[in-house]
Amino acid sequence: PDGAVLAVPMPGPREAVAAVATAAEHGLRIGCFRPPSTPDGISRLRLTAHAHLSDEEVSTATKVLRELLGR
């Protein structure tokens, strides 16, 4: 993405909340937006990168997120 914050659409609020819980089990803290915060009714994960992340942390985050998103 062009910036350090990325919004990832999720199919619904249950899936978004479940993804946040699974990510937390792996040590990842991600945000979650769902109705009524999202005007179009689509839930989203909010991912934020930080400059102090190690290569290992980025690799782990990438692996976990790919599994969560089925990619």
N, C-alpha and C. Protein backbone atom coordinates (compact mmCIF):
# COMPACT_ATOMS: atom_id res chain seq x y z
N PRO A 1 0.82 -1.21 0.00
CA PRO A 1 0.00 0.00 0.00
C PRO A 1 0.86 1.26 0.00
N ASP A 2 0.22 2.38 -0.24
CA ASP A 2 0.92 3.66 -0.27
C ASP A 2 1.30 4.18 1.11
N GLY A 3 0.68 3.66 2.15
CA GLY A 3 0.95 4.15 3.50
C GLY A 3 1.12 3.02 4.50
N ALA A 4 1.27 3.41 5.76
CA ALA A 4 1.51 2.43 6.82
C ALA A 4 0.21 1.83 7.36
N VAL A 5 -0.94 2.36 6.97
CA VAL A 5 -2.23 1.85 7.45
C VAL A 5 -2.97 1.22 6.28
N LEU A 6 -3.49 0.03 6.51
CA LEU A 6 -4.20 -0.69 5.46
C LEU A 6 -5.52 -1.20 6.02
N ALA A 7 -6.61 -0.95 5.32
CA ALA A 7 -7.93 -1.46 5.69
C ALA A 7 -8.22 -2.68 4.82
N VAL A 8 -8.49 -3.80 5.46
CA VAL A 8 -8.75 -5.05 4.75
C VAL A 8 -10.22 -5.40 4.91
N PRO A 9 -11.01 -5.41 3.83
CA PRO A 9 -12.42 -5.77 3.92
C PRO A 9 -12.60 -7.22 4.39
N MET A 10 -13.60 -7.43 5.22
CA MET A 10 -13.96 -8.76 5.70
C MET A 10 -15.41 -9.02 5.32
N PRO A 11 -15.80 -10.29 5.20
CA PRO A 11 -17.17 -10.59 4.79
C PRO A 11 -18.24 -10.10 5.76
N GLY A 12 -17.92 -10.07 7.04
CA GLY A 12 -18.91 -9.64 8.02
C GLY A 12 -18.27 -9.43 9.37
N PRO A 13 -19.06 -8.94 10.34
CA PRO A 13 -18.50 -8.64 11.65
C PRO A 13 -18.00 -9.87 12.40
N ARG A 14 -18.67 -10.98 12.29
CA ARG A 14 -18.21 -12.20 12.98
C ARG A 14 -16.84 -12.63 12.49
N GLU A 15 -16.66 -12.60 11.18
CA GLU A 15 -15.38 -12.98 10.60
C GLU A 15 -14.27 -12.02 11.02
N ALA A 16 -14.59 -10.74 11.08
CA ALA A 16 -13.60 -9.74 11.47
C ALA A 16 -13.18 -9.93 12.93
N VAL A 17 -14.15 -10.12 13.81
CA VAL A 17 -13.84 -10.32 15.23
C VAL A 17 -13.05 -11.63 15.42
N ALA A 18 -13.41 -12.67 14.70
CA ALA A 18 -12.68 -13.93 14.80
C ALA A 18 -11.24 -13.76 14.31
N ALA A 19 -11.05 -12.99 13.25
CA ALA A 19 -9.69 -12.75 12.73
C ALA A 19 -8.85 -12.00 13.75
N VAL A 20 -9.44 -11.03 14.42
CA VAL A 20 -8.71 -10.28 15.45
C VAL A 20 -8.30 -11.21 16.58
N ALA A 21 -9.20 -12.09 17.01
CA ALA A 21 -8.90 -13.03 18.09
C ALA A 21 -7.79 -13.99 17.69
N THR A 22 -7.85 -14.52 16.48
CA THR A 22 -6.82 -15.44 16.00
C THR A 22 -5.48 -14.73 15.90
N ALA A 23 -5.48 -13.52 15.38
CA ALA A 23 -4.24 -12.76 15.28
C ALA A 23 -3.63 -12.54 16.67
N ALA A 24 -4.47 -12.24 17.65
CA ALA A 24 -4.00 -12.01 19.02
C ALA A 24 -3.34 -13.26 19.58
N GLU A 25 -3.86 -14.43 19.24
CA GLU A 25 -3.26 -15.69 19.70
C GLU A 25 -1.84 -15.85 19.17
N HIS A 26 -1.55 -15.19 18.06
CA HIS A 26 -0.22 -15.25 17.46
C HIS A 26 0.62 -14.02 17.80
N GLY A 27 0.13 -13.21 18.73
CA GLY A 27 0.88 -12.05 19.16
C GLY A 27 0.72 -10.82 18.30
N LEU A 28 -0.25 -10.83 17.39
CA LEU A 28 -0.50 -9.67 16.52
C LEU A 28 -1.68 -8.89 17.05
N ARG A 29 -1.52 -7.60 17.13
CA ARG A 29 -2.60 -6.73 17.56
C ARG A 29 -3.09 -5.96 16.34
N ILE A 30 -4.32 -6.22 15.95
CA ILE A 30 -4.90 -5.51 14.81
C ILE A 30 -6.24 -4.92 15.23
N GLY A 31 -6.65 -3.88 14.52
CA GLY A 31 -7.92 -3.24 14.81
C GLY A 31 -9.03 -3.84 13.97
N CYS A 32 -10.25 -3.54 14.39
CA CYS A 32 -11.42 -4.08 13.71
C CYS A 32 -12.51 -3.02 13.67
N PHE A 33 -13.03 -2.77 12.49
CA PHE A 33 -14.15 -1.85 12.32
C PHE A 33 -15.31 -2.63 11.76
N ARG A 34 -16.47 -2.43 12.33
CA ARG A 34 -17.67 -3.12 11.86
C ARG A 34 -18.86 -2.20 12.06
N PRO A 35 -20.00 -2.53 11.46
CA PRO A 35 -21.16 -1.67 11.58
C PRO A 35 -21.48 -1.39 13.06
N PRO A 36 -21.85 -0.19 13.38
CA PRO A 36 -22.22 0.93 12.50
C PRO A 36 -21.06 1.85 12.15
N SER A 37 -19.82 1.48 12.54
CA SER A 37 -18.66 2.33 12.23
C SER A 37 -18.32 2.37 10.76
N THR A 38 -18.72 1.36 10.03
CA THR A 38 -18.44 1.31 8.60
C THR A 38 -19.72 1.64 7.83
N PRO A 39 -19.73 2.73 7.11
CA PRO A 39 -20.96 3.19 6.48
C PRO A 39 -21.52 2.25 5.42
N ASP A 40 -20.66 1.47 4.79
CA ASP A 40 -21.16 0.59 3.73
C ASP A 40 -21.55 -0.78 4.26
N GLY A 41 -21.44 -0.99 5.58
CA GLY A 41 -21.85 -2.25 6.17
C GLY A 41 -20.82 -3.36 6.07
N ILE A 42 -19.67 -3.09 5.51
CA ILE A 42 -18.62 -4.10 5.40
C ILE A 42 -17.65 -3.92 6.56
N SER A 43 -17.37 -5.00 7.25
CA SER A 43 -16.39 -4.94 8.34
C SER A 43 -14.99 -4.90 7.75
N ARG A 44 -14.07 -4.33 8.51
CA ARG A 44 -12.69 -4.21 8.03
C ARG A 44 -11.72 -4.46 9.16
N LEU A 45 -10.58 -5.03 8.80
CA LEU A 45 -9.45 -5.11 9.71
C LEU A 45 -8.59 -3.89 9.44
N ARG A 46 -8.01 -3.34 10.47
CA ARG A 46 -7.11 -2.19 10.31
C ARG A 46 -5.71 -2.63 10.68
N LEU A 47 -4.84 -2.62 9.70
CA LEU A 47 -3.45 -3.04 9.90
C LEU A 47 -2.56 -1.80 9.87
N THR A 48 -1.68 -1.71 10.84
CA THR A 48 -0.78 -0.57 10.91
C THR A 48 0.64 -1.06 11.06
N ALA A 49 1.52 -0.62 10.17
CA ALA A 49 2.93 -0.99 10.23
C ALA A 49 3.69 0.07 11.03
N HIS A 50 4.74 -0.37 11.69
CA HIS A 50 5.60 0.53 12.46
C HIS A 50 7.04 0.35 12.00
N ALA A 51 7.81 1.40 12.02
CA ALA A 51 9.20 1.36 11.57
C ALA A 51 10.07 0.45 12.42
N HIS A 52 9.69 0.22 13.67
CA HIS A 52 10.54 -0.58 14.57
C HIS A 52 10.29 -2.08 14.49
N LEU A 53 9.46 -2.54 13.56
CA LEU A 53 9.21 -3.97 13.42
C LEU A 53 10.45 -4.66 12.84
N SER A 54 10.77 -5.81 13.42
CA SER A 54 11.90 -6.58 12.90
C SER A 54 11.46 -7.36 11.67
N ASP A 55 12.42 -7.86 10.92
CA ASP A 55 12.10 -8.69 9.75
C ASP A 55 11.31 -9.92 10.18
N GLU A 56 11.65 -10.49 11.31
CA GLU A 56 10.96 -11.68 11.82
C GLU A 56 9.50 -11.35 12.16
N GLU A 57 9.26 -10.19 12.77
CA GLU A 57 7.90 -9.79 13.10
C GLU A 57 7.07 -9.56 11.84
N VAL A 58 7.66 -8.96 10.84
CA VAL A 58 6.95 -8.74 9.58
C VAL A 58 6.65 -10.08 8.91
N SER A 59 7.59 -10.99 8.94
CA SER A 59 7.38 -12.32 8.36
C SER A 59 6.26 -13.06 9.08
N THR A 60 6.26 -13.02 10.40
CA THR A 60 5.21 -13.68 11.17
C THR A 60 3.85 -13.06 10.87
N ALA A 61 3.78 -11.74 10.85
CA ALA A 61 2.53 -11.04 10.56
C ALA A 61 2.01 -11.41 9.17
N THR A 62 2.90 -11.46 8.20
CA THR A 62 2.52 -11.81 6.84
C THR A 62 1.95 -13.22 6.79
N LYS A 63 2.61 -14.16 7.45
CA LYS A 63 2.16 -15.55 7.46
C LYS A 63 0.77 -15.67 8.10
N VAL A 64 0.59 -15.06 9.27
CA VAL A 64 -0.68 -15.14 9.97
C VAL A 64 -1.79 -14.49 9.14
N LEU A 65 -1.54 -13.33 8.60
CA LEU A 65 -2.56 -12.63 7.81
C LEU A 65 -2.93 -13.40 6.55
N ARG A 66 -1.97 -14.01 5.92
CA ARG A 66 -2.30 -14.82 4.73
C ARG A 66 -3.20 -15.99 5.09
N GLU A 67 -2.93 -16.61 6.23
CA GLU A 67 -3.79 -17.70 6.69
C GLU A 67 -5.19 -17.20 7.00
N LEU A 68 -5.29 -16.07 7.68
CA LEU A 68 -6.59 -15.51 8.04
C LEU A 68 -7.42 -15.14 6.81
N LEU A 69 -6.74 -14.63 5.80
CA LEU A 69 -7.44 -14.16 4.61
C LEU A 69 -7.53 -15.20 3.51
N GLY A 70 -6.98 -16.39 3.77
CA GLY A 70 -7.05 -17.47 2.79
C GLY A 70 -6.26 -17.19 1.52
N ARG A 71 -5.10 -16.55 1.69
CA ARG A 71 -4.28 -16.21 0.53
C ARG A 71 -2.94 -16.89 0.58
